[in-house]
Protein backbone atom coordinates (compact mmCIF):
# COMPACT_ATOMS: atom_id res chain seq x y z
CA UNK A 1 58.88 104.14 116.13
CA UNK A 2 60.21 101.00 115.06
CA UNK A 3 59.52 98.56 112.52
CA UNK A 4 59.95 94.27 112.00
CA UNK A 5 61.07 93.04 108.88
CA UNK A 6 59.50 89.83 108.35
CA UNK A 7 60.46 87.26 110.58
CA UNK A 8 62.63 89.35 112.28
CA UNK A 9 62.60 91.45 116.10
CA UNK A 10 62.25 95.05 115.97
CA UNK A 11 64.96 97.14 114.26
CA UNK A 12 65.90 100.39 115.98
CA UNK A 13 64.78 103.63 114.04
CA UNK A 14 67.89 105.25 113.06
CA UNK A 15 69.38 101.43 111.36
CA UNK A 16 65.73 101.23 109.63
CA UNK A 17 65.76 104.81 108.22
CA UNK A 18 69.09 103.69 106.61
CA UNK A 19 68.03 100.79 105.28
CA UNK A 20 64.87 101.79 103.84
CA UNK A 21 66.72 105.00 102.12
CA UNK A 22 69.60 102.91 100.85
CA UNK A 23 67.18 100.75 99.22
CA UNK A 24 64.41 102.65 97.86
CA UNK A 25 66.70 105.41 96.20
CA UNK A 26 66.85 105.78 92.57
CA UNK A 27 68.20 107.74 89.89
CA UNK A 28 64.99 110.18 89.48
CA UNK A 29 66.01 111.28 93.18
CA UNK A 30 69.33 112.43 92.16
CA UNK A 31 69.71 116.07 91.18
CA UNK A 32 72.18 117.06 88.48
CA UNK A 33 74.81 117.87 90.80
CA UNK A 34 74.81 114.79 92.92
CA UNK A 35 74.81 112.95 89.57
CA UNK A 36 77.74 114.99 88.26
CA UNK A 37 79.63 114.27 91.64
CA UNK A 38 79.27 110.45 91.27
CA UNK A 39 80.54 110.48 87.69
CA UNK A 40 83.41 112.65 88.79
CA UNK A 41 84.14 110.28 91.65
CA UNK A 42 84.09 107.19 88.99
CA UNK A 43 86.51 109.14 86.74
CA UNK A 44 89.09 110.05 89.14
CA UNK A 45 88.98 106.60 90.87
CA UNK A 46 89.41 104.91 87.55
CA UNK A 47 92.47 107.68 86.42
CA UNK A 48 94.38 106.96 89.70
CA UNK A 49 93.95 103.45 89.66
CA UNK A 50 95.03 103.36 86.15
CA UNK A 51 98.68 104.75 87.43
CA UNK A 52 98.49 103.20 90.58
CA UNK A 53 98.42 99.63 88.70
CA UNK A 54 102.27 100.18 88.38
CA UNK A 55 103.04 101.81 91.64
CA UNK A 56 105.30 99.65 94.18
CA UNK A 57 103.86 96.90 95.48
CA UNK A 58 100.85 96.14 92.65
CA UNK A 59 102.47 93.47 90.82
CA UNK A 60 102.65 91.73 94.22
CA UNK A 61 98.77 92.56 94.55
CA UNK A 62 98.31 91.11 91.02
CA UNK A 63 100.30 87.67 91.73
CA UNK A 64 98.14 87.42 95.06
CA UNK A 65 94.82 87.70 93.12
CA UNK A 66 96.12 85.51 90.20
CA UNK A 67 97.22 83.11 92.75
CA UNK A 68 93.35 82.73 94.25
CA UNK A 69 91.90 81.84 90.95
CA UNK A 70 88.58 81.87 90.21
CA UNK A 71 85.57 83.46 87.56
CA UNK A 72 87.17 86.08 85.30
CA UNK A 73 84.57 88.20 86.35
CA UNK A 74 85.58 92.11 86.62
CA UNK A 75 88.52 94.19 84.90
CA UNK A 76 91.65 94.70 87.13
CA UNK A 77 92.30 98.16 85.98
CA UNK A 78 95.66 99.16 84.32
CA UNK A 79 96.65 95.29 83.76
CA UNK A 80 94.65 94.00 81.04
CA UNK A 81 93.47 91.19 83.41
CA UNK A 82 90.43 90.05 85.05
CA UNK A 83 89.47 88.50 88.37
CA UNK A 84 86.92 87.38 90.73
CA UNK A 85 84.62 90.53 91.06
CA UNK A 86 85.65 90.78 94.83
CA UNK A 87 89.43 90.36 93.92
CA UNK A 88 89.22 93.22 91.12
CA UNK A 89 87.57 95.33 93.55
CA UNK A 90 90.47 94.96 96.10
CA UNK A 91 93.18 95.51 93.50
CA UNK A 92 91.38 98.60 92.00
CA UNK A 93 90.96 99.91 95.64
CA UNK A 94 94.72 99.80 96.00
CA UNK A 95 95.81 100.97 92.95
CA UNK A 96 93.33 103.99 93.37
CA UNK A 97 95.23 104.67 96.58
CA UNK A 98 98.78 103.84 95.70
CA UNK A 99 99.86 107.15 94.77
CA UNK A 100 97.97 109.35 97.37
CA UNK A 101 96.38 111.49 94.65
CA UNK A 102 92.55 110.27 95.49
CA UNK A 103 89.14 111.60 96.65
CA UNK A 104 88.91 113.68 99.92
CA UNK A 105 85.74 114.41 101.87
CA UNK A 106 86.43 117.43 103.82
CA UNK A 107 85.56 117.77 107.26
CA UNK A 108 86.91 121.50 107.62
CA UNK A 109 89.37 123.46 106.10
CA UNK A 110 92.47 121.47 107.63
CA UNK A 111 91.68 117.97 106.15
CA UNK A 112 89.39 114.89 105.29
CA UNK A 113 89.19 111.72 104.55
CA UNK A 114 88.88 109.43 101.32
CA UNK A 115 85.76 107.56 100.33
CA UNK A 116 85.62 107.34 96.30
CA UNK A 117 88.41 105.68 95.77
CA UNK A 118 87.05 102.84 97.49
CA UNK A 119 83.58 103.27 96.61
CA UNK A 120 83.81 103.39 92.82
CA UNK A 121 85.46 100.64 91.93
CA UNK A 122 84.08 98.38 94.08
CA UNK A 123 80.66 99.46 92.36
CA UNK A 124 82.53 99.16 88.99
CA UNK A 125 83.63 95.43 89.29
CA UNK A 126 80.30 94.24 91.06
CA UNK A 127 78.51 96.05 88.05
CA UNK A 128 80.73 94.36 85.36
CA UNK A 129 80.80 90.88 86.83
CA UNK A 130 76.87 90.95 87.51
CA UNK A 131 75.85 92.36 83.62
CA UNK A 132 72.71 94.20 83.23
CA UNK A 133 73.67 97.05 85.56
CA UNK A 134 73.13 100.38 83.75
CA UNK A 135 75.41 103.50 84.37
CA UNK A 136 72.46 105.00 86.19
CA UNK A 137 72.56 102.12 88.47
CA UNK A 138 76.28 102.59 88.87
CA UNK A 139 75.68 106.59 89.66
CA UNK A 140 73.18 106.07 91.88
CA UNK A 141 75.03 103.46 94.02
CA UNK A 142 78.27 105.44 94.34
CA UNK A 143 75.88 109.01 94.97
CA UNK A 144 74.31 106.88 97.72
CA UNK A 145 77.59 104.96 99.35
CA UNK A 146 79.70 108.26 99.27
CA UNK A 147 76.57 110.21 101.05
CA UNK A 148 75.92 108.01 103.79
CA UNK A 149 79.67 107.33 104.42
CA UNK A 150 80.33 111.09 104.66
CA UNK A 151 77.06 111.63 106.73
CA UNK A 152 78.76 108.75 109.11
CA UNK A 153 81.55 110.81 109.15
CA UNK A 154 80.42 113.97 109.92
CA UNK A 155 78.00 112.59 112.80
CA UNK A 156 80.90 112.47 115.02
CA UNK A 157 81.65 115.51 117.08
CA UNK A 158 85.41 116.45 117.31
CA UNK A 159 88.90 115.46 115.84
CA UNK A 160 89.59 112.43 113.86
CA UNK A 161 93.00 112.68 113.07
CA UNK A 162 95.74 110.45 115.03
CA UNK A 163 96.25 113.28 117.81
CA UNK A 164 93.01 112.04 119.26
CA UNK A 165 92.34 108.65 118.04
CA UNK A 166 94.16 105.82 116.62
CA UNK A 167 91.51 104.94 113.76
CA UNK A 168 92.30 106.26 110.15
CA UNK A 169 88.72 106.85 109.49
CA UNK A 170 89.57 106.72 105.72
CA UNK A 171 89.34 103.18 106.09
CA UNK A 172 87.60 102.23 108.82
CA UNK A 173 84.20 104.15 106.93
CA UNK A 174 85.08 102.73 104.11
CA UNK A 175 83.63 99.31 105.38
CA UNK A 176 80.29 100.73 105.74
CA UNK A 177 80.22 103.02 102.64
CA UNK A 178 81.40 100.31 100.21
CA UNK A 179 78.87 97.58 101.54
CA UNK A 180 76.02 100.03 101.10
CA UNK A 181 77.18 101.20 97.68
CA UNK A 182 78.09 97.18 96.50
CA UNK A 183 74.69 96.10 98.40
CA UNK A 184 72.74 99.03 96.48
CA UNK A 185 73.99 97.94 92.47
CA UNK A 186 73.60 94.07 93.48
CA UNK A 187 69.91 95.07 94.67
CA UNK A 188 70.08 93.76 98.32
CA UNK A 189 66.50 93.97 99.98
CA UNK A 190 66.21 95.55 103.39
CA UNK A 191 66.69 92.78 105.51
CA UNK A 192 69.83 91.73 103.44
CA UNK A 193 71.17 95.21 103.55
CA UNK A 194 70.15 95.32 107.33
CA UNK A 195 71.79 91.95 107.36
CA UNK A 196 74.95 93.29 105.27
CA UNK A 197 76.00 95.96 107.39
CA UNK A 198 75.66 93.97 110.66
CA UNK A 199 78.15 91.77 109.19
CA UNK A 200 80.67 94.69 107.91
CA UNK A 201 80.11 95.83 111.17
CA UNK A 202 82.25 92.61 112.37
CA UNK A 203 85.32 93.06 110.51
CA UNK A 204 85.48 97.26 110.38
CA UNK A 205 89.05 98.27 111.00
CA UNK A 206 91.51 100.70 109.79
CA UNK A 207 94.55 102.27 111.47
CA UNK A 208 97.58 104.53 111.39
CA UNK A 209 100.25 102.42 111.97
CA UNK A 210 101.41 101.44 108.17
CA UNK A 211 101.58 105.34 107.75
CA UNK A 212 104.05 105.59 110.61
CA UNK A 213 105.93 102.89 109.34
CA UNK A 214 106.14 103.87 105.64
CA UNK A 215 104.98 100.32 104.44
CA UNK A 216 103.14 99.22 101.48
CA UNK A 217 100.18 97.60 103.94
CA UNK A 218 98.93 101.06 104.52
CA UNK A 219 97.59 101.00 100.97
CA UNK A 220 96.11 97.75 101.18
CA UNK A 221 93.63 98.84 104.26
CA UNK A 222 91.36 100.36 101.45
CA UNK A 223 91.57 96.90 99.66
CA UNK A 224 90.62 95.29 102.86
CA UNK A 225 87.30 97.61 103.30
CA UNK A 226 86.68 96.44 100.00
CA UNK A 227 86.99 92.47 100.52
CA UNK A 228 85.18 92.92 103.76
CA UNK A 229 82.34 94.68 102.19
CA UNK A 230 82.04 91.72 99.46
CA UNK A 231 81.91 89.37 102.02
CA UNK A 232 79.61 91.02 103.83
CA UNK A 233 77.15 91.48 101.05
CA UNK A 234 77.48 88.03 99.42
CA UNK A 235 77.08 86.38 102.86
CA UNK A 236 73.33 88.53 103.43
CA UNK A 237 72.36 87.23 99.84
CA UNK A 238 72.41 84.00 101.09
CA UNK A 239 70.78 84.17 104.75
CA UNK A 240 73.75 84.86 107.09
CA UNK A 241 72.06 87.59 109.76
CA UNK A 242 74.02 90.43 111.01
CA UNK A 243 73.81 92.60 113.96
CA UNK A 244 70.89 94.95 113.76
CA UNK A 245 72.23 97.44 116.07
CA UNK A 246 75.19 98.07 114.23
CA UNK A 247 75.13 101.77 114.61
CA UNK A 248 73.19 102.62 117.95
CA UNK A 249 73.78 99.45 120.19
CA UNK A 250 75.69 98.76 123.15
CA UNK A 251 78.47 97.97 121.25
CA UNK A 252 77.61 99.85 117.88
CA UNK A 253 80.34 101.28 115.65
CA UNK A 254 80.69 104.69 117.49
CA UNK A 255 80.36 103.31 120.86
CA UNK A 256 83.17 100.55 120.13
CA UNK A 257 85.76 102.95 117.66
CA UNK A 258 85.16 106.42 119.51
CA UNK A 259 84.02 105.92 122.67
CA UNK A 260 85.20 109.02 124.08
CA UNK A 261 83.45 111.50 121.47
CA UNK A 262 80.07 112.80 121.02
CA UNK A 263 77.72 111.09 118.07
CA UNK A 264 75.01 113.68 116.44
CA UNK A 265 73.00 110.76 115.74
CA UNK A 266 70.25 112.97 113.98
CA UNK A 267 72.46 114.36 111.57
CA UNK A 268 72.70 110.76 110.00
CA UNK A 269 69.25 110.92 108.84
CA UNK A 270 69.11 114.85 108.37
CA UNK A 271 67.77 115.73 104.88
CA UNK A 272 68.48 112.09 103.96
CA UNK A 273 67.84 111.90 100.27
CA UNK A 274 67.53 115.07 99.64
CA UNK A 275 71.12 116.77 100.53
CA UNK A 276 73.70 114.24 98.87
CA UNK A 277 77.11 114.89 100.62
CA UNK A 278 78.95 113.62 97.77
CA UNK A 279 78.63 117.26 96.07
CA UNK A 280 81.21 118.02 98.77
CA UNK A 281 83.70 115.40 97.65
CA UNK A 282 86.92 117.04 96.73
CA UNK A 283 89.87 115.71 94.23
CA UNK A 284 93.69 116.29 95.60
CA UNK A 285 95.34 118.83 93.90
CA UNK A 286 98.86 117.03 94.62
CA UNK A 287 99.78 113.07 95.23
CA UNK A 288 100.45 113.00 98.88
CA UNK A 289 98.95 113.25 102.27
CA UNK A 290 96.03 115.99 101.92
CA UNK A 291 97.17 117.77 105.10
CA UNK A 292 100.62 118.98 103.37
CA UNK A 293 98.15 120.67 100.75
CA UNK A 294 97.36 124.05 102.00
CA UNK A 295 101.07 124.08 102.98
CA UNK A 296 102.23 123.10 99.23
CA UNK A 297 99.68 126.04 98.06
CA UNK A 298 101.34 128.62 100.38
CA UNK A 299 105.12 127.84 99.04
CA UNK A 300 103.72 127.73 95.68
CA UNK A 301 103.00 131.34 96.37
CA UNK A 302 106.34 132.45 97.36
CA UNK A 303 108.40 130.61 95.03
CA UNK A 304 108.42 132.83 92.11
CA UNK A 305 109.97 135.49 94.52
CA UNK A 306 113.15 134.06 95.34
CA UNK A 307 115.93 131.84 94.14
CA UNK A 308 116.18 128.14 95.52
CA UNK A 309 119.99 129.45 96.38
CA UNK A 310 118.94 132.17 98.57
CA UNK A 311 117.02 130.04 100.84
CA UNK A 312 118.18 129.98 104.80
CA UNK A 313 114.81 128.42 106.05
CA UNK A 314 111.03 127.98 105.71
CA UNK A 315 108.74 127.64 108.52
CA UNK A 316 104.93 126.62 108.39
CA UNK A 317 102.40 127.44 110.83
CA UNK A 318 98.94 125.26 110.70
CA UNK A 319 96.66 123.28 112.63
CA UNK A 320 97.20 119.97 114.93
CA UNK A 321 96.67 117.64 112.08
CA UNK A 322 99.98 118.42 110.30
CA UNK A 323 101.23 115.82 112.73
CA UNK A 324 100.22 113.28 110.63
CA UNK A 325 103.17 114.00 108.42
CA UNK A 326 105.66 115.65 110.65
CA UNK A 327 105.91 113.07 113.24
CA UNK A 328 108.02 111.29 113.97
CA UNK A 329 110.40 114.15 113.12
CA UNK A 330 113.22 112.35 112.60
CA UNK A 331 111.70 109.79 109.94
CA UNK A 332 110.06 112.93 108.26
CA UNK A 333 113.20 114.72 107.50
CA UNK A 334 114.76 111.42 106.12
CA UNK A 335 112.05 109.40 104.64
CA UNK A 336 113.34 105.76 104.04
CA UNK A 337 111.47 105.20 100.48
CA UNK A 338 108.53 106.61 98.65
CA UNK A 339 105.44 105.55 100.92
CA UNK A 340 107.54 107.92 103.68
CA UNK A 341 107.83 110.25 101.20
CA UNK A 342 104.53 110.60 100.65
CA UNK A 343 103.72 111.22 104.16
CA UNK A 344 106.23 113.54 104.52
CA UNK A 345 105.74 117.28 105.31
CA UNK A 346 109.33 118.58 105.21
CA UNK A 347 109.71 115.91 101.96
CA UNK A 348 107.01 117.10 99.79
CA UNK A 349 107.81 120.89 100.59
CA UNK A 350 111.63 120.36 99.60
CA UNK A 351 110.04 118.89 96.12
CA UNK A 352 108.09 122.05 95.56
CA UNK A 353 110.56 124.14 96.35
CA UNK A 354 113.27 122.69 94.00
CA UNK A 355 110.48 121.97 91.26
CA UNK A 356 107.55 124.29 91.45
CA UNK A 357 105.03 122.01 92.23
CA UNK A 358 104.68 117.77 93.41
CA UNK A 359 104.36 114.98 90.69
CA UNK A 360 104.19 111.05 91.26
CA UNK A 361 107.58 110.75 90.08
CA UNK A 362 108.79 112.94 93.53
CA UNK A 363 108.15 109.22 95.02
CA UNK A 364 110.79 107.29 93.39
CA UNK A 365 112.48 105.02 95.95
CA UNK A 366 115.83 106.28 95.03
CA UNK A 367 114.98 110.24 94.65
CA UNK A 368 113.94 110.15 98.30
CA UNK A 369 117.76 109.76 99.07
CA UNK A 370 118.73 112.79 96.80
CA UNK A 371 121.16 115.10 99.06
CA UNK A 372 119.96 118.45 97.54
CA UNK A 373 116.20 117.63 98.50
CA UNK A 374 116.97 116.24 102.16
CA UNK A 375 119.22 119.12 102.54
CA UNK A 376 115.78 121.49 101.51
CA UNK A 377 113.81 119.20 104.01
CA UNK A 378 116.20 120.18 107.10
CA UNK A 379 115.63 123.67 106.49
CA UNK A 380 111.47 123.07 107.35
CA UNK A 381 110.47 123.64 110.57
CA UNK A 382 106.76 123.10 111.86
CA UNK A 383 104.28 125.15 114.25
CA UNK A 384 100.83 122.97 114.83
CA UNK A 385 98.82 125.50 116.62
CA UNK A 386 95.43 124.48 118.39
CA UNK A 387 92.73 125.80 116.74
CA UNK A 388 94.18 127.05 113.60
CA UNK A 389 92.00 127.04 110.33
CA UNK A 390 94.48 127.77 107.83
CA UNK A 391 97.81 127.58 106.75
CA UNK A 392 100.75 130.31 106.43
CA UNK A 393 104.34 129.86 105.38
CA UNK A 394 107.42 132.32 106.05
CA UNK A 395 110.57 132.10 103.80
CA UNK A 396 113.65 133.43 105.37
CA UNK A 397 116.28 134.19 103.23
CA UNK A 398 119.90 134.34 103.72
CA UNK A 399 120.28 138.14 103.66
CA UNK A 400 117.90 138.46 106.54
CA UNK A 401 115.16 139.21 104.51
CA UNK A 402 111.43 137.58 105.29
CA UNK A 403 108.67 136.71 103.03
CA UNK A 404 105.13 135.57 104.37
CA UNK A 405 102.52 133.98 102.24
CA UNK A 406 99.08 134.81 102.16
CA UNK A 407 96.86 132.53 104.77
CA UNK A 408 95.60 129.07 102.91
CA UNK A 409 92.24 128.07 104.20
CA UNK A 410 90.80 126.12 101.35
CA UNK A 411 93.74 124.51 99.27
CA UNK A 412 93.76 123.23 95.71
CA UNK A 413 91.24 120.20 95.30
CA UNK A 414 89.18 121.59 98.32
CA UNK A 415 85.00 121.51 97.43
CA UNK A 416 85.62 125.54 97.83
CA UNK A 417 88.59 125.45 95.67
CA UNK A 418 87.50 122.38 93.08
CA UNK A 419 90.02 120.77 90.53
CA UNK A 420 87.99 120.97 87.06
CA UNK A 421 86.75 118.08 85.24
CA UNK A 422 88.66 119.38 82.56
CA UNK A 423 91.96 118.92 84.51
CA UNK A 424 90.73 115.43 85.72
CA UNK A 425 90.53 114.26 82.31
CA UNK A 426 94.06 115.46 81.82
CA UNK A 427 95.22 113.81 84.77
CA UNK A 428 93.72 110.64 83.48
CA UNK A 429 95.31 111.04 79.96
CA UNK A 430 98.37 111.41 81.68
CA UNK A 431 98.38 108.14 83.44
CA UNK A 432 97.39 105.98 80.24
CA UNK A 433 101.01 105.61 79.88
CA UNK A 434 102.06 104.91 83.30
CA UNK A 435 99.56 101.88 83.75
CA UNK A 436 101.03 98.46 84.13
CA UNK A 437 99.97 97.64 80.78
CA UNK A 438 100.20 101.08 79.20
CA UNK A 439 97.01 102.11 77.20
CA UNK A 440 97.11 103.46 73.85
CA UNK A 441 96.15 107.07 73.89
CA UNK A 442 92.92 106.35 71.47
CA UNK A 443 91.79 103.76 73.32
CA UNK A 444 92.42 106.00 76.25
CA UNK A 445 90.31 108.66 74.95
CA UNK A 446 87.29 105.87 74.33
CA UNK A 447 87.77 104.67 77.89
CA UNK A 448 87.18 108.46 78.84
CA UNK A 449 84.53 109.31 76.88
CA UNK A 450 82.57 106.01 78.44
CA UNK A 451 83.25 107.32 81.74
CA UNK A 452 82.11 110.65 80.96
CA UNK A 453 79.04 109.45 79.27
CA UNK A 454 78.41 106.37 81.44
CA UNK A 455 74.43 107.74 82.64
CA UNK A 456 73.56 106.75 78.89
CA UNK A 457 74.98 103.07 78.93
CA UNK A 458 72.66 100.40 79.66
CA UNK A 459 74.64 97.97 80.43
CA UNK A 460 78.46 98.44 81.99
CA UNK A 461 80.19 95.23 81.21
CA UNK A 462 81.46 96.66 77.96
CA UNK A 463 83.18 99.74 79.50
CA UNK A 464 86.89 98.28 79.58
CA UNK A 465 86.12 96.53 75.87
CA UNK A 466 89.12 96.90 73.78
CA UNK A 467 91.38 98.25 76.89
């Protein structure tokens, strides 16, 4: 069955069902777990953006958006500045991804893709600029955007890592999730929402090449998705039409980007409005590429059982997705800069071996040349095994003895091994002093309280007031 929007040709059933759901969804439709998940998504994206505001390259992002001029509509997190809503959202998404400390929607035990780091800052910037948007509206938009982006991801049958596709699905799919969420919070009607999604289809992209080369451009892709989404929504509000069959058409999303994959179209709308997949969003336990996380958990299992000077070699066995952080091998063993190090499995293992955990300061551009850490990284070997669903680490000591970790399937931050809200709040507190414009502890505590209680706020315009 198809339906027609006024003055427009018939709309395919899949796209029709999606826009109807997006526009009609209300806060009252969300269960308590979904509301809590949306709140945690917003809290984490803001906390990581605060620290990311002072990351390498973030000052250049601020200069870029300042040069564009325009109305001071929304907060550029961690800087004390305001900018046009799309520019602020662009910067905040870049900041939230800068330290590789974002959320993940896990497709399996081996890895997943980020969603909330782009969706949540975009919704906040749109709401702050518009005025009259309640905390409940914000949470609803985040819940709907995250859910549908996760559904679009989950519909693909087959692997999405660079072993099988050149597309970086974190950035590619964020174009759609952010468009949905921003269009929702700004009150698009069905026809406008359909146009906005058709217009984002004309812009969507995202690839792994910057990650392979260790360039700042990798994290800009989240900002590009946000910028593109605001463009699509604003054009749709002004009557520009977009492709209607953006998912199901001959040149729709899946046939364009994933022509070799099978797609379960029915799963996109199965349980729509009842089962919000944002409940399954996880929040990283370590600030690095997510495929390393089960490995680091396994390393930390073994680390108390030997002294560093006893270490002869360390061997990792895991899934093919470890490719993302183990190839090209020479580059991963000898990272050129902090960005390289974020995606180097040998490097993050070396840091964890030496210091017992992994922190933001391990990605300092000077530290990556540390002879001690480089030497430890060169002791690491990696075996990627088809069909493997867990990670194990084997440590061989100089006396010939061998230590074997227990298999790690659900790493720290996975929804089946979640980070607590209390731990997330502590990360937020830790990041306050790391902002480009450090935030006073008392003001930071008030900001945290506002985000935790955002459901009670009638108009979110003042949420960053005094910060």
